[in-house]
């Protein structure tokens, strides 16, 4: 009998690191929906794997959650957007695009932190106490500072200008609990930053 040449070839086994990444990708949306109350059964179902596979890739659920938090805090995509903003000719346009990138990052980060805390999880768990501004925000500030060119006639150095701009961005995203509900869009924020709140004569 001729040999069957239609046998299915086995797919190459997924590496441990690839498996971890796939589980994190499946878990992050569940964290936004359920916080730390998400179950490993829900995670396994979303990842299309057996529940025991979760524990072969991660020591426990806490390690998985910490890894997911680190994934959400990654800023490579935002830094790339800020770098792209540097291609715009007008300073106002460069800053407006950068604000859009930073705002998206802040909203994502604060939403996850809020959901986790509401479910009784401390986002700093396993990370220890951080001293000084997070490294992520330092890198964002450095990238925003590069958007100010030598022809922009700044009254302060670019690093301080970037810090002041980001201070406005942070404050603008704070709503409720005594902060009020009104916010400025990116273009308005840039206008206020560059020209102040007073009407020009």
N, C-alpha and C. Protein backbone atom coordinates (compact mmCIF):
# COMPACT_ATOMS: atom_id res chain seq x y z
N UNK A 1 0.86 -1.19 0.00
CA UNK A 1 0.00 0.00 0.00
C UNK A 1 0.89 1.23 0.00
N UNK A 2 0.65 2.19 -0.91
CA UNK A 2 1.52 3.36 -0.98
C UNK A 2 1.44 4.19 0.29
N UNK A 3 2.56 4.80 0.62
CA UNK A 3 2.63 5.60 1.85
C UNK A 3 1.75 6.83 1.71
N UNK A 4 1.02 7.13 2.75
CA UNK A 4 0.14 8.30 2.75
C UNK A 4 0.99 9.56 2.88
N UNK A 5 0.97 10.36 1.81
CA UNK A 5 1.77 11.59 1.82
C UNK A 5 0.96 12.80 2.25
N UNK A 6 -0.27 12.57 2.70
CA UNK A 6 -1.13 13.69 3.10
C UNK A 6 -1.17 13.89 4.60
N UNK A 7 -0.27 13.24 5.29
CA UNK A 7 -0.25 13.40 6.75
C UNK A 7 -0.02 14.85 7.13
N UNK A 8 -0.69 15.24 8.14
CA UNK A 8 -0.51 16.61 8.62
C UNK A 8 0.84 16.76 9.31
N UNK A 9 1.48 17.84 8.99
CA UNK A 9 2.73 18.12 9.67
C UNK A 9 2.43 18.81 11.00
N UNK A 10 3.12 18.39 12.00
CA UNK A 10 2.93 19.00 13.31
C UNK A 10 3.48 20.41 13.31
N UNK A 11 2.69 21.32 13.89
CA UNK A 11 3.17 22.70 14.02
C UNK A 11 4.31 22.73 15.03
N UNK A 12 5.30 23.57 14.78
CA UNK A 12 6.41 23.66 15.74
C UNK A 12 5.92 24.08 17.12
N UNK A 13 6.50 23.49 18.13
CA UNK A 13 6.08 23.81 19.50
C UNK A 13 6.38 25.27 19.81
N UNK A 14 5.46 25.90 20.53
CA UNK A 14 5.64 27.31 20.90
C UNK A 14 6.67 27.41 22.02
N UNK A 15 7.58 28.36 21.91
CA UNK A 15 8.58 28.55 22.96
C UNK A 15 7.90 29.08 24.22
N UNK A 16 8.58 28.91 25.34
CA UNK A 16 8.04 29.39 26.62
C UNK A 16 7.78 30.89 26.57
N UNK A 17 8.70 31.63 25.97
CA UNK A 17 8.54 33.09 25.91
C UNK A 17 7.37 33.47 25.02
N UNK A 18 7.21 32.78 23.89
CA UNK A 18 6.07 33.05 23.01
C UNK A 18 4.76 32.70 23.71
N UNK A 19 4.77 31.60 24.46
CA UNK A 19 3.57 31.21 25.20
C UNK A 19 3.21 32.25 26.25
N UNK A 20 4.21 32.76 26.94
CA UNK A 20 3.97 33.80 27.95
C UNK A 20 3.37 35.05 27.30
N UNK A 21 3.94 35.44 26.16
CA UNK A 21 3.42 36.63 25.47
C UNK A 21 1.97 36.42 25.04
N UNK A 22 1.66 35.23 24.54
CA UNK A 22 0.30 34.95 24.08
C UNK A 22 -0.68 35.01 25.25
N UNK A 23 -0.27 34.48 26.40
CA UNK A 23 -1.14 34.51 27.59
C UNK A 23 -1.34 35.94 28.07
N UNK A 24 -0.29 36.73 28.06
CA UNK A 24 -0.40 38.14 28.47
C UNK A 24 -1.35 38.89 27.54
N UNK A 25 -1.20 38.66 26.24
CA UNK A 25 -2.07 39.32 25.25
C UNK A 25 -3.54 38.99 25.51
N UNK A 26 -3.82 37.74 25.87
CA UNK A 26 -5.19 37.34 26.15
C UNK A 26 -5.69 37.86 27.49
N UNK A 27 -4.77 38.06 28.43
CA UNK A 27 -5.16 38.44 29.79
C UNK A 27 -5.41 39.94 29.95
N UNK A 28 -4.65 40.77 29.26
CA UNK A 28 -4.77 42.22 29.46
C UNK A 28 -6.21 42.73 29.30
N UNK A 29 -6.95 42.37 28.23
CA UNK A 29 -8.35 42.84 28.14
C UNK A 29 -9.21 42.36 29.30
N UNK A 30 -8.91 41.17 29.82
CA UNK A 30 -9.67 40.65 30.96
C UNK A 30 -9.38 41.44 32.23
N UNK A 31 -8.15 41.93 32.36
CA UNK A 31 -7.82 42.76 33.52
C UNK A 31 -8.58 44.06 33.49
N UNK A 32 -8.71 44.66 32.31
CA UNK A 32 -9.47 45.90 32.19
C UNK A 32 -10.95 45.67 32.54
N UNK A 33 -11.44 44.48 32.26
CA UNK A 33 -12.85 44.17 32.51
C UNK A 33 -13.12 43.70 33.94
N UNK A 34 -12.20 42.89 34.50
CA UNK A 34 -12.45 42.25 35.79
C UNK A 34 -11.46 42.62 36.88
N UNK A 35 -10.39 43.33 36.54
CA UNK A 35 -9.36 43.61 37.53
C UNK A 35 -8.68 42.33 37.97
N UNK A 36 -8.19 42.33 39.19
CA UNK A 36 -7.48 41.16 39.72
C UNK A 36 -8.42 40.00 40.02
N UNK A 37 -9.74 40.21 39.89
CA UNK A 37 -10.70 39.14 40.13
C UNK A 37 -10.82 38.17 38.96
N UNK A 38 -10.13 38.46 37.86
CA UNK A 38 -10.16 37.54 36.72
C UNK A 38 -9.65 36.18 37.17
N UNK A 39 -10.25 35.13 36.68
CA UNK A 39 -9.85 33.78 37.08
C UNK A 39 -8.92 33.16 36.03
N UNK A 40 -8.13 32.20 36.48
CA UNK A 40 -7.25 31.52 35.54
C UNK A 40 -8.06 30.71 34.53
N UNK A 41 -9.26 30.33 34.91
CA UNK A 41 -10.14 29.63 33.97
C UNK A 41 -10.54 30.56 32.83
N UNK A 42 -10.89 31.81 33.17
CA UNK A 42 -11.23 32.79 32.13
C UNK A 42 -10.01 33.08 31.24
N UNK A 43 -8.85 33.16 31.86
CA UNK A 43 -7.62 33.44 31.11
C UNK A 43 -7.33 32.31 30.13
N UNK A 44 -7.43 31.07 30.62
CA UNK A 44 -7.15 29.92 29.77
C UNK A 44 -8.12 29.87 28.59
N UNK A 45 -9.39 30.13 28.85
CA UNK A 45 -10.40 30.12 27.78
C UNK A 45 -10.09 31.18 26.74
N UNK A 46 -9.72 32.40 27.20
CA UNK A 46 -9.42 33.48 26.26
C UNK A 46 -8.17 33.17 25.46
N UNK A 47 -7.21 32.47 26.07
CA UNK A 47 -5.95 32.15 25.38
C UNK A 47 -6.06 30.88 24.56
N UNK A 48 -7.16 30.13 24.72
CA UNK A 48 -7.33 28.89 23.98
C UNK A 48 -6.39 27.78 24.43
N UNK A 49 -6.15 27.73 25.74
CA UNK A 49 -5.22 26.74 26.29
C UNK A 49 -5.85 26.07 27.50
N UNK A 50 -5.21 25.01 27.97
CA UNK A 50 -5.65 24.37 29.20
C UNK A 50 -5.23 25.23 30.39
N UNK A 51 -6.02 25.18 31.46
CA UNK A 51 -5.73 26.03 32.62
C UNK A 51 -4.35 25.73 33.20
N UNK A 52 -3.94 24.47 33.16
CA UNK A 52 -2.64 24.12 33.70
C UNK A 52 -1.49 24.76 32.94
N UNK A 53 -1.72 25.08 31.67
CA UNK A 53 -0.67 25.71 30.86
C UNK A 53 -0.31 27.09 31.41
N UNK A 54 -1.31 27.76 32.00
CA UNK A 54 -1.05 29.08 32.59
C UNK A 54 0.02 28.96 33.67
N UNK A 55 -0.09 27.92 34.48
CA UNK A 55 0.84 27.76 35.60
C UNK A 55 2.18 27.15 35.19
N UNK A 56 2.23 26.62 33.97
CA UNK A 56 3.53 26.19 33.46
C UNK A 56 4.31 27.38 32.89
N UNK A 57 3.57 28.41 32.48
CA UNK A 57 4.22 29.60 31.93
C UNK A 57 4.51 30.65 33.01
N UNK A 58 3.68 30.69 34.05
CA UNK A 58 3.84 31.66 35.13
C UNK A 58 3.77 30.93 36.47
N UNK A 59 4.53 31.43 37.43
CA UNK A 59 4.57 30.80 38.76
C UNK A 59 3.20 30.79 39.40
N UNK A 60 2.48 31.93 39.30
CA UNK A 60 1.14 32.04 39.86
C UNK A 60 0.44 33.21 39.18
N UNK A 61 -0.81 33.44 39.59
CA UNK A 61 -1.59 34.50 38.96
C UNK A 61 -1.00 35.87 39.24
N UNK A 62 -0.40 36.04 40.41
CA UNK A 62 0.21 37.31 40.75
C UNK A 62 1.33 37.68 39.77
N UNK A 63 2.16 36.69 39.44
CA UNK A 63 3.23 36.95 38.49
C UNK A 63 2.66 37.32 37.12
N UNK A 64 1.60 36.64 36.72
CA UNK A 64 0.95 36.95 35.45
C UNK A 64 0.41 38.37 35.44
N UNK A 65 -0.26 38.77 36.52
CA UNK A 65 -0.81 40.12 36.59
C UNK A 65 0.31 41.16 36.55
N UNK A 66 1.38 40.92 37.29
CA UNK A 66 2.50 41.87 37.26
C UNK A 66 3.08 42.00 35.85
N UNK A 67 3.18 40.88 35.15
CA UNK A 67 3.70 40.92 33.79
C UNK A 67 2.76 41.69 32.87
N UNK A 68 1.46 41.52 33.08
CA UNK A 68 0.48 42.26 32.28
C UNK A 68 0.56 43.76 32.55
N UNK A 69 0.72 44.13 33.82
CA UNK A 69 0.85 45.55 34.18
C UNK A 69 2.07 46.14 33.49
N UNK A 70 3.18 45.43 33.52
CA UNK A 70 4.39 45.90 32.85
C UNK A 70 4.15 46.08 31.36
N UNK A 71 3.37 45.17 30.78
CA UNK A 71 3.06 45.25 29.35
C UNK A 71 2.25 46.51 29.03
N UNK A 72 1.26 46.79 29.89
CA UNK A 72 0.42 47.98 29.67
C UNK A 72 1.24 49.26 29.84
N UNK A 73 2.24 49.23 30.73
CA UNK A 73 3.05 50.42 30.99
C UNK A 73 4.13 50.65 29.92
N UNK A 74 4.32 49.71 29.02
CA UNK A 74 5.32 49.90 27.98
C UNK A 74 4.94 51.09 27.10
N UNK A 75 5.94 51.88 26.71
CA UNK A 75 5.65 53.13 26.00
C UNK A 75 6.30 53.21 24.63
N UNK A 76 6.79 52.09 24.11
CA UNK A 76 7.46 52.13 22.81
C UNK A 76 6.57 52.71 21.72
N UNK A 77 5.30 52.31 21.71
CA UNK A 77 4.38 52.81 20.68
C UNK A 77 4.19 54.32 20.81
N UNK A 78 4.06 54.81 22.05
CA UNK A 78 3.88 56.25 22.26
C UNK A 78 5.13 57.03 21.88
N UNK A 79 6.30 56.49 22.20
CA UNK A 79 7.54 57.17 21.83
C UNK A 79 7.68 57.26 20.32
N UNK A 80 7.24 56.23 19.62
CA UNK A 80 7.30 56.26 18.16
C UNK A 80 6.37 57.34 17.61
N UNK A 81 5.18 57.48 18.22
CA UNK A 81 4.25 58.53 17.78
C UNK A 81 4.84 59.92 18.02
N UNK A 82 5.51 60.09 19.15
CA UNK A 82 6.13 61.39 19.44
C UNK A 82 7.24 61.68 18.44
N UNK A 83 8.01 60.65 18.10
CA UNK A 83 9.07 60.84 17.11
C UNK A 83 8.47 61.23 15.75
N UNK A 84 7.35 60.61 15.39
CA UNK A 84 6.69 60.96 14.13
C UNK A 84 6.19 62.41 14.17
N UNK A 85 5.74 62.84 15.35
CA UNK A 85 5.24 64.21 15.48
C UNK A 85 6.34 65.21 15.15
N UNK A 86 7.59 64.83 15.37
CA UNK A 86 8.70 65.72 15.10
C UNK A 86 8.86 66.06 13.63
N UNK A 87 8.18 65.32 12.75
CA UNK A 87 8.27 65.59 11.31
C UNK A 87 7.41 66.78 10.88
N UNK A 88 6.45 67.16 11.71
CA UNK A 88 5.58 68.29 11.37
C UNK A 88 6.37 69.59 11.38
N UNK A 89 6.01 70.49 10.48
CA UNK A 89 6.75 71.75 10.36
C UNK A 89 6.44 72.70 11.51
N UNK A 90 5.15 72.87 11.82
CA UNK A 90 4.74 73.84 12.83
C UNK A 90 4.87 73.26 14.23
N UNK A 91 5.38 74.06 15.17
CA UNK A 91 5.54 73.62 16.55
C UNK A 91 4.21 73.21 17.15
N UNK A 92 3.16 73.99 16.92
CA UNK A 92 1.85 73.69 17.49
C UNK A 92 1.37 72.31 17.04
N UNK A 93 1.59 71.97 15.79
CA UNK A 93 1.17 70.66 15.29
C UNK A 93 1.99 69.55 15.93
N UNK A 94 3.29 69.77 16.09
CA UNK A 94 4.14 68.77 16.73
C UNK A 94 3.67 68.49 18.15
N UNK A 95 3.40 69.54 18.89
CA UNK A 95 2.99 69.39 20.29
C UNK A 95 1.60 68.76 20.39
N UNK A 96 0.70 69.11 19.49
CA UNK A 96 -0.65 68.56 19.52
C UNK A 96 -0.62 67.05 19.29
N UNK A 97 0.20 66.61 18.34
CA UNK A 97 0.32 65.17 18.09
C UNK A 97 0.93 64.45 19.29
N UNK A 98 1.92 65.08 19.91
CA UNK A 98 2.55 64.47 21.08
C UNK A 98 1.56 64.36 22.24
N UNK A 99 0.74 65.39 22.43
CA UNK A 99 -0.26 65.36 23.49
C UNK A 99 -1.23 64.20 23.27
N UNK A 100 -1.62 63.97 22.02
CA UNK A 100 -2.51 62.85 21.72
C UNK A 100 -1.90 61.52 22.15
N UNK A 101 -0.61 61.35 21.89
CA UNK A 101 0.07 60.11 22.26
C UNK A 101 0.15 59.96 23.78
N UNK A 102 0.53 61.03 24.46
CA UNK A 102 0.68 60.98 25.92
C UNK A 102 -0.68 60.77 26.59
N UNK A 103 -1.71 61.44 26.09
CA UNK A 103 -3.04 61.29 26.67
C UNK A 103 -3.53 59.86 26.56
N UNK A 104 -3.31 59.23 25.42
CA UNK A 104 -3.71 57.84 25.26
C UNK A 104 -3.01 56.93 26.26
N UNK A 105 -1.73 57.20 26.48
CA UNK A 105 -0.96 56.40 27.45
C UNK A 105 -1.50 56.59 28.87
N UNK A 106 -1.72 57.86 29.24
CA UNK A 106 -2.21 58.13 30.59
C UNK A 106 -3.58 57.51 30.83
N UNK A 107 -4.47 57.63 29.87
CA UNK A 107 -5.81 57.06 30.03
C UNK A 107 -5.74 55.55 30.21
N UNK A 108 -4.88 54.89 29.42
CA UNK A 108 -4.73 53.44 29.51
C UNK A 108 -4.16 53.04 30.87
N UNK A 109 -3.12 53.76 31.29
CA UNK A 109 -2.45 53.43 32.55
C UNK A 109 -3.38 53.66 33.74
N UNK A 110 -4.01 54.84 33.79
CA UNK A 110 -4.87 55.16 34.93
C UNK A 110 -6.09 54.26 35.00
N UNK A 111 -6.63 53.87 33.84
CA UNK A 111 -7.79 52.98 33.86
C UNK A 111 -7.43 51.63 34.45
N UNK A 112 -6.28 51.08 34.04
CA UNK A 112 -5.89 49.78 34.57
C UNK A 112 -5.60 49.86 36.06
N UNK A 113 -4.87 50.89 36.49
CA UNK A 113 -4.56 51.06 37.90
C UNK A 113 -5.85 51.16 38.72
N UNK A 114 -6.83 51.92 38.21
CA UNK A 114 -8.10 52.09 38.93
C UNK A 114 -8.85 50.76 39.05
N UNK A 115 -8.92 50.00 37.95
CA UNK A 115 -9.64 48.73 37.97
C UNK A 115 -8.96 47.75 38.93
N UNK A 116 -7.64 47.71 38.90
CA UNK A 116 -6.92 46.79 39.78
C UNK A 116 -7.12 47.16 41.25
N UNK A 117 -7.03 48.45 41.55
CA UNK A 117 -7.21 48.87 42.95
C UNK A 117 -8.62 48.61 43.43
N UNK A 118 -9.61 48.82 42.56
CA UNK A 118 -11.00 48.56 42.94
C UNK A 118 -11.22 47.08 43.24
N UNK A 119 -10.40 46.23 42.64
CA UNK A 119 -10.54 44.79 42.89
C UNK A 119 -9.61 44.31 44.00
N UNK A 120 -8.99 45.29 44.72
CA UNK A 120 -8.18 44.94 45.88
C UNK A 120 -6.73 44.63 45.59
N UNK A 121 -6.26 44.94 44.39
CA UNK A 121 -4.88 44.64 44.03
C UNK A 121 -4.05 45.92 44.06
N UNK A 122 -2.87 45.84 44.66
CA UNK A 122 -1.95 46.97 44.67
C UNK A 122 -1.04 46.86 43.45
N UNK A 123 -1.14 47.80 42.48
CA UNK A 123 -0.31 47.71 41.27
C UNK A 123 1.18 47.71 41.55
N UNK A 124 1.58 48.15 42.75
CA UNK A 124 3.00 48.14 43.08
C UNK A 124 3.45 46.81 43.65
N UNK A 125 2.50 45.90 43.82
CA UNK A 125 2.83 44.61 44.44
C UNK A 125 3.95 43.92 43.66
N UNK A 126 4.99 43.58 44.38
CA UNK A 126 6.11 42.89 43.75
C UNK A 126 7.12 43.81 43.12
N UNK A 127 6.81 45.11 43.06
CA UNK A 127 7.73 46.05 42.43
C UNK A 127 8.50 46.87 43.46
N UNK A 128 8.02 46.89 44.70
CA UNK A 128 8.65 47.73 45.71
C UNK A 128 8.25 49.17 45.52
N UNK A 129 8.74 50.03 46.38
CA UNK A 129 8.42 51.45 46.30
C UNK A 129 9.31 52.12 45.27
N UNK A 130 8.71 52.90 44.40
CA UNK A 130 9.47 53.66 43.43
C UNK A 130 9.82 55.02 44.02
N UNK A 131 11.02 55.46 43.77
CA UNK A 131 11.43 56.78 44.22
C UNK A 131 11.64 57.67 43.01
N UNK A 132 11.05 58.87 43.06
CA UNK A 132 11.18 59.77 41.93
C UNK A 132 10.20 59.41 40.84
N UNK A 133 10.18 60.17 39.75
CA UNK A 133 9.23 59.92 38.67
C UNK A 133 9.52 58.60 37.98
N UNK A 134 8.48 57.91 37.51
CA UNK A 134 8.70 56.64 36.83
C UNK A 134 9.60 56.82 35.61
N UNK A 135 10.35 55.79 35.32
CA UNK A 135 11.26 55.84 34.17
C UNK A 135 10.50 56.11 32.88
N UNK A 136 9.29 55.55 32.78
CA UNK A 136 8.52 55.74 31.57
C UNK A 136 8.25 57.21 31.29
N UNK A 137 7.86 57.95 32.34
CA UNK A 137 7.55 59.37 32.15
C UNK A 137 8.81 60.18 31.88
N UNK A 138 9.93 59.77 32.42
CA UNK A 138 11.18 60.45 32.11
C UNK A 138 11.50 60.32 30.63
N UNK A 139 11.30 59.12 30.09
CA UNK A 139 11.57 58.90 28.66
C UNK A 139 10.60 59.70 27.79
N UNK A 140 9.34 59.77 28.20
CA UNK A 140 8.37 60.56 27.44
C UNK A 140 8.77 62.03 27.45
N UNK A 141 9.15 62.54 28.62
CA UNK A 141 9.56 63.94 28.74
C UNK A 141 10.75 64.23 27.83
N UNK A 142 11.72 63.33 27.81
CA UNK A 142 12.90 63.53 26.98
C UNK A 142 12.52 63.58 25.50
N UNK A 143 11.58 62.74 25.09
CA UNK A 143 11.17 62.73 23.68
C UNK A 143 10.39 63.99 23.32
N UNK A 144 9.52 64.44 24.23
CA UNK A 144 8.76 65.67 23.96
C UNK A 144 9.71 66.85 23.86
N UNK A 145 10.76 66.86 24.67
CA UNK A 145 11.73 67.97 24.64
C UNK A 145 12.38 68.11 23.27
N UNK A 146 12.53 67.01 22.54
CA UNK A 146 13.17 67.06 21.22
C UNK A 146 12.28 67.74 20.18
N UNK A 147 11.01 67.94 20.51
CA UNK A 147 10.09 68.57 19.55
C UNK A 147 10.31 70.08 19.46
N UNK A 148 11.01 70.63 20.43
CA UNK A 148 11.30 72.07 20.41
C UNK A 148 12.61 72.28 19.65
N UNK A 149 12.55 73.07 18.58
CA UNK A 149 13.73 73.30 17.75
C UNK A 149 14.41 74.62 18.07
N UNK A 150 15.58 74.83 17.49
CA UNK A 150 16.34 76.07 17.74
C UNK A 150 15.64 77.32 17.22
N UNK A 151 14.71 77.15 16.29
CA UNK A 151 14.00 78.31 15.72
C UNK A 151 12.71 78.64 16.45
N UNK A 152 12.43 77.91 17.54
CA UNK A 152 11.16 78.13 18.25
C UNK A 152 11.22 79.25 19.27
N UNK A 153 12.39 79.81 19.49
CA UNK A 153 12.55 81.00 20.35
C UNK A 153 11.95 80.79 21.74
N UNK A 154 12.41 79.74 22.41
CA UNK A 154 11.90 79.41 23.74
C UNK A 154 12.46 80.36 24.80
N UNK A 155 11.65 80.62 25.83
CA UNK A 155 12.10 81.43 26.97
C UNK A 155 12.74 80.56 28.04
N UNK A 156 12.56 79.24 27.93
CA UNK A 156 13.16 78.29 28.88
C UNK A 156 13.80 77.17 28.06
N UNK A 157 14.58 76.32 28.71
CA UNK A 157 15.21 75.23 27.96
C UNK A 157 14.17 74.18 27.61
N UNK A 158 14.41 73.40 26.55
CA UNK A 158 13.42 72.43 26.06
C UNK A 158 12.95 71.42 27.11
N UNK A 159 13.85 70.99 28.00
CA UNK A 159 13.45 70.00 29.00
C UNK A 159 12.43 70.57 29.97
N UNK A 160 12.59 71.82 30.36
CA UNK A 160 11.62 72.46 31.24
C UNK A 160 10.31 72.70 30.49
N UNK A 161 10.41 73.12 29.24
CA UNK A 161 9.20 73.33 28.44
C UNK A 161 8.40 72.04 28.33
N UNK A 162 9.10 70.92 28.13
CA UNK A 162 8.42 69.63 28.03
C UNK A 162 7.74 69.27 29.34
N UNK A 163 8.43 69.50 30.46
CA UNK A 163 7.84 69.20 31.77
C UNK A 163 6.59 70.04 32.02
N UNK A 164 6.65 71.32 31.67
CA UNK A 164 5.50 72.20 31.88
C UNK A 164 4.32 71.78 31.01
N UNK A 165 4.62 71.41 29.77
CA UNK A 165 3.55 70.95 28.88
C UNK A 165 2.89 69.69 29.42
N UNK A 166 3.71 68.73 29.86
CA UNK A 166 3.15 67.49 30.38
C UNK A 166 2.39 67.72 31.68
N UNK A 167 2.82 68.72 32.46
CA UNK A 167 2.06 69.08 33.66
C UNK A 167 0.65 69.51 33.30
N UNK A 168 0.52 70.27 32.23
CA UNK A 168 -0.82 70.68 31.75
C UNK A 168 -1.62 69.46 31.29
N UNK A 169 -0.94 68.55 30.60
CA UNK A 169 -1.62 67.35 30.10
C UNK A 169 -2.16 66.54 31.27
N UNK A 170 -1.36 66.33 32.32
CA UNK A 170 -1.80 65.57 33.49
C UNK A 170 -3.02 66.23 34.14
N UNK A 171 -2.89 67.53 34.39
CA UNK A 171 -3.98 68.25 35.05
C UNK A 171 -5.24 68.22 34.22
N UNK A 172 -5.09 68.31 32.91
CA UNK A 172 -6.24 68.32 32.01
C UNK A 172 -7.01 67.01 32.04
N UNK A 173 -6.33 65.91 32.37
CA UNK A 173 -7.00 64.61 32.40
C UNK A 173 -7.68 64.33 33.73
N UNK A 174 -7.46 65.19 34.74
CA UNK A 174 -8.07 64.97 36.06
C UNK A 174 -9.48 65.54 36.06
N UNK A 175 -10.45 64.67 36.32
CA UNK A 175 -11.85 65.07 36.33
C UNK A 175 -12.53 64.54 37.58
N UNK A 176 -13.58 65.24 38.00
CA UNK A 176 -14.31 64.81 39.18
C UNK A 176 -13.53 65.03 40.45
N UNK A 177 -14.14 64.72 41.59
CA UNK A 177 -13.49 64.83 42.90
C UNK A 177 -12.83 66.20 43.10
N UNK A 178 -13.56 67.26 42.76
CA UNK A 178 -13.05 68.60 42.98
C UNK A 178 -12.28 69.18 41.82
N UNK A 179 -11.99 68.37 40.78
CA UNK A 179 -11.24 68.89 39.64
C UNK A 179 -12.14 69.49 38.57
N UNK A 180 -13.44 69.21 38.60
CA UNK A 180 -14.33 69.69 37.57
C UNK A 180 -14.41 68.71 36.42
N UNK A 181 -15.31 69.01 35.47
CA UNK A 181 -15.56 68.08 34.37
C UNK A 181 -15.10 68.61 33.01
N UNK A 182 -14.73 69.88 32.94
CA UNK A 182 -14.33 70.44 31.65
C UNK A 182 -12.87 70.13 31.34
N UNK A 183 -12.61 69.84 30.07
CA UNK A 183 -11.25 69.57 29.62
C UNK A 183 -11.00 70.29 28.31
N UNK A 184 -9.73 70.48 27.99
CA UNK A 184 -9.35 71.08 26.71
C UNK A 184 -8.87 69.98 25.78
N UNK A 185 -9.17 70.11 24.47
CA UNK A 185 -8.63 69.14 23.54
C UNK A 185 -7.16 69.48 23.27
N UNK A 186 -6.49 68.65 22.49
CA UNK A 186 -5.06 68.80 22.29
C UNK A 186 -4.70 70.17 21.70
N UNK A 187 -5.46 70.60 20.69
CA UNK A 187 -5.15 71.89 20.05
C UNK A 187 -5.35 73.06 21.02
N UNK A 188 -6.43 72.99 21.82
CA UNK A 188 -6.67 74.04 22.81
C UNK A 188 -5.57 74.08 23.84
N UNK A 189 -5.12 72.89 24.26
CA UNK A 189 -4.08 72.82 25.27
C UNK A 189 -2.78 73.43 24.76
N UNK A 190 -2.45 73.16 23.51
CA UNK A 190 -1.25 73.74 22.91
C UNK A 190 -1.38 75.26 22.82
N UNK A 191 -2.55 75.74 22.44
CA UNK A 191 -2.78 77.18 22.34
C UNK A 191 -2.59 77.85 23.70
N UNK A 192 -3.13 77.24 24.75
CA UNK A 192 -2.99 77.79 26.09
C UNK A 192 -1.54 77.73 26.55
N UNK A 193 -0.85 76.64 26.23
CA UNK A 193 0.54 76.47 26.61
C UNK A 193 1.43 77.52 25.94
N UNK A 194 1.21 77.75 24.66
CA UNK A 194 2.08 78.65 23.91
C UNK A 194 1.74 80.13 24.12
N UNK A 195 0.44 80.41 24.37
CA UNK A 195 0.01 81.80 24.39
C UNK A 195 -0.71 82.23 25.65
N UNK A 196 -0.93 81.33 26.60
CA UNK A 196 -1.56 81.70 27.85
C UNK A 196 -3.07 81.72 27.77
N UNK A 197 -3.69 82.07 28.89
CA UNK A 197 -5.16 82.06 28.97
C UNK A 197 -5.77 83.42 28.70
N UNK A 198 -4.93 84.45 28.60
CA UNK A 198 -5.46 85.79 28.33
C UNK A 198 -5.67 86.02 26.85
N UNK A 199 -6.76 86.70 26.53
CA UNK A 199 -7.01 87.04 25.13
C UNK A 199 -5.96 88.06 24.67
N UNK A 200 -5.51 87.87 23.46
CA UNK A 200 -4.50 88.78 22.91
C UNK A 200 -5.17 90.02 22.34
N UNK A 201 -4.51 91.19 22.52
CA UNK A 201 -5.04 92.43 21.96
C UNK A 201 -4.90 92.40 20.44
